[in-house]
Amino acid sequence: MMTNPSTTTYEKYSANAAENYERDFVPVIGTPFARRLIAAARLAPGERVLDVACATGIATRLAAEAVGSRGSVAGLDVNPGMLEVARAAVPAGTAIEWHQGSAEDLPLPDASFDVVLCSLGFMFFPAKVEALREMRRVLVPGGRVLLGTPGPTPPLFVAIDRALTAHVGPGASMFVHAVFSVHDPAEVRELMDTAGFDEVETEIDTVPLRVAPPAEFFWQYVHSTPLAAIVGELDEGARVALEHDVVERCQPFVDGDATVMEPGLLVASGRRPSGDDR
């Protein structure tokens, strides 16, 4: 897919990153990853579930389906814009509580959930052990936590990262590096052990994805993430050059009318010890 040499598709997206995220990212990336995490959690009807770093709430909504009307589900995110979109996306008749707050300081009572989920958010936490300790605190003794993180960096994103570095600078690629920064099972097991979880297990899988053609997918990704502010500082000519470079670098991943990739997914689980009253 080549673009007009004097324009890009940059301007067609909303200035609201959360709306872009829910419309463009969630259906093709967020949902497949969240479904894998929900399947691993084996949620039962009646359980109480907390989704940490819920963004616009795809894992939260899937958890609500799994636990049914006898269960209860809450979503928490630090970004009020994400929560606003999450509230609007809840199907009629589905009861979900929403909380704004940090994963490292959950504004929730001790021992109030049976399960804590975190889909595609844990890698962004600056204080990961503290966040895990907070998750353990809000779990009942014997309750379980499940984390889903992507990585290592798929070749498609290596290509995008190189284009960003070439046209914007190394600062622009830092977000891509952060997204895929937590994928080592041994590292995650150590973090969970340090935070006081028992029965820690990890599993690595791949998630085949078909997304939009390169130019469209690139701008969808940019406008759903903090990259929008950085790339937005470029003038039109620089954005055109960036888009053309992305399209060229991503040609090996084009399959018909889609761009394909198979990112890895690390699912880590653990339990709050049964006798834990800390």
Protein backbone atom coordinates (compact mmCIF):
# COMPACT_ATOMS: atom_id res chain seq x y z
CA MET A 1 0.00 0.00 0.00
CA MET A 2 1.62 3.22 -1.15
CA THR A 3 0.30 6.61 -0.17
CA ASN A 4 -0.01 9.83 -2.10
CA PRO A 5 3.51 11.34 -2.03
CA SER A 6 2.27 14.66 -0.65
CA THR A 7 -0.13 13.47 2.08
CA THR A 8 -0.47 10.88 4.82
CA THR A 9 -3.40 9.32 6.61
CA TYR A 10 -2.21 11.02 9.81
CA GLU A 11 -5.02 13.55 10.13
CA LYS A 12 -7.97 11.16 9.84
CA TYR A 13 -7.72 9.90 13.42
CA SER A 14 -9.36 11.39 16.49
CA ALA A 15 -7.33 13.44 18.94
CA ASN A 16 -8.76 11.17 21.65
CA ALA A 17 -6.21 8.34 22.04
CA ALA A 18 -8.60 6.25 24.13
CA GLU A 19 -11.27 6.33 21.41
CA ASN A 20 -8.68 5.37 18.80
CA TYR A 21 -7.44 2.58 21.07
CA GLU A 22 -10.90 1.08 21.53
CA ARG A 23 -11.82 1.38 17.84
CA ASP A 24 -8.55 0.32 16.19
CA PHE A 25 -6.34 -1.53 18.69
CA VAL A 26 -8.81 -3.50 20.77
CA PRO A 27 -10.53 -5.53 18.01
CA VAL A 28 -7.36 -6.78 16.31
CA ILE A 29 -4.78 -6.89 19.13
CA GLY A 30 -6.29 -6.23 22.55
CA THR A 31 -9.09 -8.79 22.22
CA PRO A 32 -6.99 -11.79 21.06
CA PHE A 33 -4.50 -11.21 23.88
CA ALA A 34 -7.25 -10.70 26.47
CA ARG A 35 -9.04 -13.88 25.39
CA ARG A 36 -5.86 -15.91 25.95
CA LEU A 37 -5.49 -14.46 29.45
CA ILE A 38 -9.15 -15.04 30.32
CA ALA A 39 -8.90 -18.64 29.13
CA ALA A 40 -5.82 -19.19 31.30
CA ALA A 41 -7.64 -17.70 34.32
CA ARG A 42 -10.44 -20.29 34.14
CA LEU A 43 -12.84 -17.87 35.76
CA ALA A 44 -15.83 -19.44 37.48
CA PRO A 45 -19.34 -18.05 37.86
CA GLY A 46 -19.60 -16.01 41.03
CA GLU A 47 -15.95 -15.02 41.32
CA ARG A 48 -14.87 -11.47 42.13
CA VAL A 49 -12.37 -10.15 39.57
CA LEU A 50 -10.18 -7.06 39.35
CA ASP A 51 -8.62 -6.01 36.02
CA VAL A 52 -5.58 -3.80 36.68
CA ALA A 53 -4.44 -1.39 33.95
CA CYS A 54 -7.72 -2.14 32.21
CA ALA A 55 -7.40 0.62 29.56
CA THR A 56 -10.76 0.67 27.72
CA GLY A 57 -11.80 -2.54 29.42
CA ILE A 58 -11.71 -5.41 26.95
CA ALA A 59 -10.39 -7.94 29.51
CA THR A 60 -12.78 -6.47 32.08
CA ARG A 61 -15.77 -7.05 29.83
CA LEU A 62 -14.67 -10.59 28.97
CA ALA A 63 -14.23 -11.33 32.69
CA ALA A 64 -17.75 -10.06 33.37
CA GLU A 65 -19.09 -12.51 30.77
CA ALA A 66 -17.20 -15.36 32.42
CA VAL A 67 -18.28 -14.78 36.03
CA GLY A 68 -21.88 -13.94 35.16
CA SER A 69 -24.45 -12.11 37.21
CA ARG A 70 -23.46 -13.94 40.41
CA GLY A 71 -19.91 -12.59 40.14
CA SER A 72 -18.53 -9.07 40.27
CA VAL A 73 -15.90 -7.32 38.18
CA ALA A 74 -13.94 -4.10 38.60
CA GLY A 75 -11.56 -2.35 36.25
CA LEU A 76 -8.81 0.03 37.30
CA ASP A 77 -6.65 2.35 35.22
CA VAL A 78 -4.55 5.42 35.91
CA ASN A 79 -5.84 7.18 32.78
CA PRO A 80 -9.26 8.85 33.18
CA GLY A 81 -9.69 9.07 29.40
CA MET A 82 -9.40 5.31 29.07
CA LEU A 83 -11.95 4.80 31.84
CA GLU A 84 -14.41 7.18 30.18
CA VAL A 85 -14.33 5.09 27.00
CA ALA A 86 -14.44 1.87 29.06
CA ARG A 87 -17.66 2.95 30.75
CA ALA A 88 -19.27 3.76 27.41
CA ALA A 89 -18.26 0.38 25.93
CA VAL A 90 -19.99 -1.77 28.57
CA PRO A 91 -22.92 -3.74 27.11
CA ALA A 92 -26.33 -2.94 28.52
CA GLY A 93 -27.10 -5.02 31.57
CA THR A 94 -23.44 -5.64 32.48
CA ALA A 95 -22.40 -4.31 35.89
CA ILE A 96 -18.74 -3.28 36.17
CA GLU A 97 -17.18 -0.98 38.76
CA TRP A 98 -14.50 1.40 37.49
CA HIS A 99 -11.70 2.90 39.56
CA GLN A 100 -9.03 5.42 38.69
CA GLY A 101 -5.72 4.75 40.38
CA SER A 102 -2.18 3.47 40.25
CA ALA A 103 -1.30 -0.22 40.23
CA GLU A 104 1.31 0.52 42.89
CA ASP A 105 -1.32 1.96 45.27
CA LEU A 106 -4.65 0.27 44.62
CA PRO A 107 -7.56 2.23 46.14
CA LEU A 108 -9.30 -0.99 47.13
CA PRO A 109 -9.78 -2.98 50.36
CA ASP A 110 -7.65 -5.90 51.49
CA ALA A 111 -8.76 -9.40 50.47
CA SER A 112 -11.63 -8.20 48.28
CA PHE A 113 -11.05 -10.22 45.07
CA ASP A 114 -10.69 -13.86 44.08
CA VAL A 115 -8.76 -13.08 40.89
CA VAL A 116 -6.60 -10.18 39.70
CA LEU A 117 -5.90 -9.84 35.97
CA CYS A 118 -3.48 -7.60 34.11
CA SER A 119 -3.55 -7.84 30.31
CA LEU A 120 -0.86 -5.91 28.37
CA GLY A 121 -0.18 -3.48 31.19
CA PHE A 122 2.35 -4.94 33.61
CA MET A 123 5.36 -4.02 31.45
CA PHE A 124 4.56 -0.32 31.89
CA PHE A 125 4.58 -0.30 35.71
CA PRO A 126 7.60 1.61 37.03
CA ALA A 127 7.59 -0.30 40.36
CA LYS A 128 6.65 -3.84 39.41
CA VAL A 129 7.23 -5.58 42.75
CA GLU A 130 5.20 -2.91 44.55
CA ALA A 131 2.37 -3.39 42.04
CA LEU A 132 2.46 -7.15 42.56
CA ARG A 133 2.38 -6.71 46.32
CA GLU A 134 -0.70 -4.54 45.96
CA MET A 135 -2.33 -7.21 43.80
CA ARG A 136 -1.53 -9.79 46.47
CA ARG A 137 -2.98 -7.50 49.17
CA VAL A 138 -6.38 -7.17 47.47
CA LEU A 139 -6.60 -10.92 46.80
CA VAL A 140 -8.18 -13.27 49.31
CA PRO A 141 -5.78 -15.89 50.69
CA GLY A 142 -5.57 -18.54 48.00
CA GLY A 143 -6.68 -16.04 45.34
CA ARG A 144 -4.83 -15.94 42.05
CA VAL A 145 -3.17 -13.36 39.83
CA LEU A 146 -2.62 -13.64 36.07
CA LEU A 147 -0.42 -11.36 33.99
CA GLY A 148 -0.18 -11.24 30.19
CA THR A 149 2.78 -9.48 28.58
CA PRO A 150 3.92 -9.48 24.92
CA GLY A 151 7.38 -10.13 23.54
CA PRO A 152 10.02 -10.38 22.37
CA THR A 153 9.64 -7.59 19.79
CA PRO A 154 8.06 -9.06 16.63
CA PRO A 155 9.90 -8.37 13.35
CA LEU A 156 7.07 -6.06 12.24
CA PHE A 157 7.66 -3.82 15.24
CA VAL A 158 11.42 -4.01 14.75
CA ALA A 159 10.78 -2.49 11.31
CA ILE A 160 8.50 0.20 12.76
CA ASP A 161 11.00 0.93 15.51
CA ARG A 162 13.80 1.44 12.99
CA ALA A 163 11.66 3.83 10.95
CA LEU A 164 10.78 5.85 14.06
CA THR A 165 14.42 6.01 15.11
CA ALA A 166 15.50 7.13 11.65
CA HIS A 167 12.89 9.85 11.22
CA VAL A 168 12.03 11.00 14.74
CA GLY A 169 14.93 9.91 16.93
CA PRO A 170 15.61 7.28 19.58
CA GLY A 171 13.11 8.82 21.99
CA ALA A 172 10.23 7.84 19.73
CA SER A 173 11.20 4.19 19.78
CA MET A 174 11.31 4.00 23.58
CA PHE A 175 7.59 3.22 23.72
CA VAL A 176 7.99 0.26 21.36
CA HIS A 177 10.85 -1.02 23.52
CA ALA A 178 8.70 -0.64 26.65
CA VAL A 179 5.79 -2.60 25.15
CA PHE A 180 7.95 -5.69 24.61
CA SER A 181 10.28 -5.27 27.59
CA VAL A 182 8.87 -7.98 29.91
CA HIS A 183 8.87 -11.40 28.27
CA ASP A 184 11.50 -13.40 30.17
CA PRO A 185 9.75 -16.09 32.26
CA ALA A 186 12.62 -16.23 34.77
CA GLU A 187 12.45 -12.47 35.33
CA VAL A 188 8.70 -12.52 35.92
CA ARG A 189 8.90 -15.54 38.22
CA GLU A 190 11.52 -13.75 40.30
CA LEU A 191 9.34 -10.63 40.54
CA MET A 192 6.33 -12.67 41.63
CA ASP A 193 8.37 -14.68 44.13
CA THR A 194 9.73 -11.46 45.61
CA ALA A 195 6.21 -10.08 45.89
CA GLY A 196 5.15 -13.09 47.95
CA PHE A 197 3.18 -15.25 45.51
CA ASP A 198 3.12 -19.05 45.66
CA GLU A 199 2.61 -21.60 42.89
CA VAL A 200 4.12 -19.26 40.30
CA GLU A 201 3.83 -20.64 36.78
CA THR A 202 4.65 -19.20 33.36
CA GLU A 203 3.60 -20.19 29.87
CA ILE A 204 4.70 -18.81 26.50
CA ASP A 205 2.41 -18.79 23.50
CA THR A 206 2.10 -16.94 20.20
CA VAL A 207 -0.92 -14.98 19.03
CA PRO A 208 -1.37 -14.83 15.23
CA LEU A 209 -2.69 -11.41 14.22
CA ARG A 210 -3.93 -9.82 11.01
CA VAL A 211 -4.01 -6.05 11.17
CA ALA A 212 -4.52 -3.21 8.69
CA PRO A 213 -2.09 -2.53 5.80
CA PRO A 214 1.21 -0.95 6.93
CA ALA A 215 0.44 2.78 6.61
CA GLU A 216 -3.00 2.46 8.17
CA PHE A 217 -1.80 0.17 10.96
CA PHE A 218 1.13 2.46 11.73
CA TRP A 219 -1.06 5.52 12.19
CA GLN A 220 -3.63 3.53 14.15
CA TYR A 221 -0.86 2.46 16.50
CA VAL A 222 0.60 5.95 16.77
CA HIS A 223 -2.78 7.54 17.53
CA SER A 224 -3.66 4.91 20.15
CA THR A 225 -0.46 5.46 22.15
CA PRO A 226 1.77 8.22 23.57
CA LEU A 227 3.59 8.22 20.23
CA ALA A 228 0.91 10.59 18.90
CA ALA A 229 2.36 13.54 20.81
CA ILE A 230 5.90 12.83 19.60
CA VAL A 231 5.06 12.21 15.96
CA GLY A 232 2.63 15.12 16.02
CA GLU A 233 5.57 17.49 16.30
CA LEU A 234 6.72 16.56 12.79
CA ASP A 235 5.72 18.72 9.85
CA GLU A 236 3.74 17.23 6.97
CA GLY A 237 6.81 16.52 4.86
CA ALA A 238 8.50 14.63 7.67
CA ARG A 239 5.35 12.59 8.32
CA VAL A 240 5.13 11.70 4.63
CA ALA A 241 8.74 10.51 4.67
CA LEU A 242 8.14 8.51 7.85
CA GLU A 243 5.04 6.85 6.45
CA HIS A 244 6.77 5.91 3.21
CA ASP A 245 9.67 4.39 5.13
CA VAL A 246 7.30 2.39 7.35
CA VAL A 247 5.44 1.05 4.29
CA GLU A 248 8.69 0.02 2.61
CA ARG A 249 10.13 -1.67 5.70
CA CYS A 250 6.88 -3.52 6.39
CA GLN A 251 6.37 -5.02 2.93
CA PRO A 252 7.71 -8.45 4.02
CA PHE A 253 4.79 -8.71 6.45
CA VAL A 254 2.00 -7.88 3.99
CA ASP A 255 -0.40 -10.69 3.11
CA GLY A 256 -3.10 -9.56 0.72
CA ASP A 257 -5.01 -6.71 2.32
CA ALA A 258 -3.52 -7.22 5.80
CA THR A 259 -0.28 -7.00 7.74
CA VAL A 260 0.54 -10.17 9.65
CA MET A 261 2.57 -10.97 12.75
CA GLU A 262 2.75 -13.58 15.50
CA PRO A 263 3.84 -11.83 18.70
CA GLY A 264 4.67 -13.90 21.73
CA LEU A 265 2.56 -13.81 24.87
CA LEU A 266 3.89 -14.62 28.31
CA VAL A 267 1.16 -15.62 30.76
CA ALA A 268 2.30 -15.72 34.38
CA SER A 269 0.15 -16.85 37.28
CA GLY A 270 0.49 -17.17 41.03
CA ARG A 271 -1.51 -17.45 44.23
CA ARG A 272 -1.62 -15.52 47.44
CA PRO A 273 -0.56 -18.05 50.08
CA SER A 274 -3.51 -19.54 51.94
CA GLY A 275 -2.14 -18.56 55.35
CA ASP A 276 -1.05 -15.07 54.24
CA ASP A 277 -2.49 -12.37 56.50
CA ARG A 278 0.05 -9.65 55.63
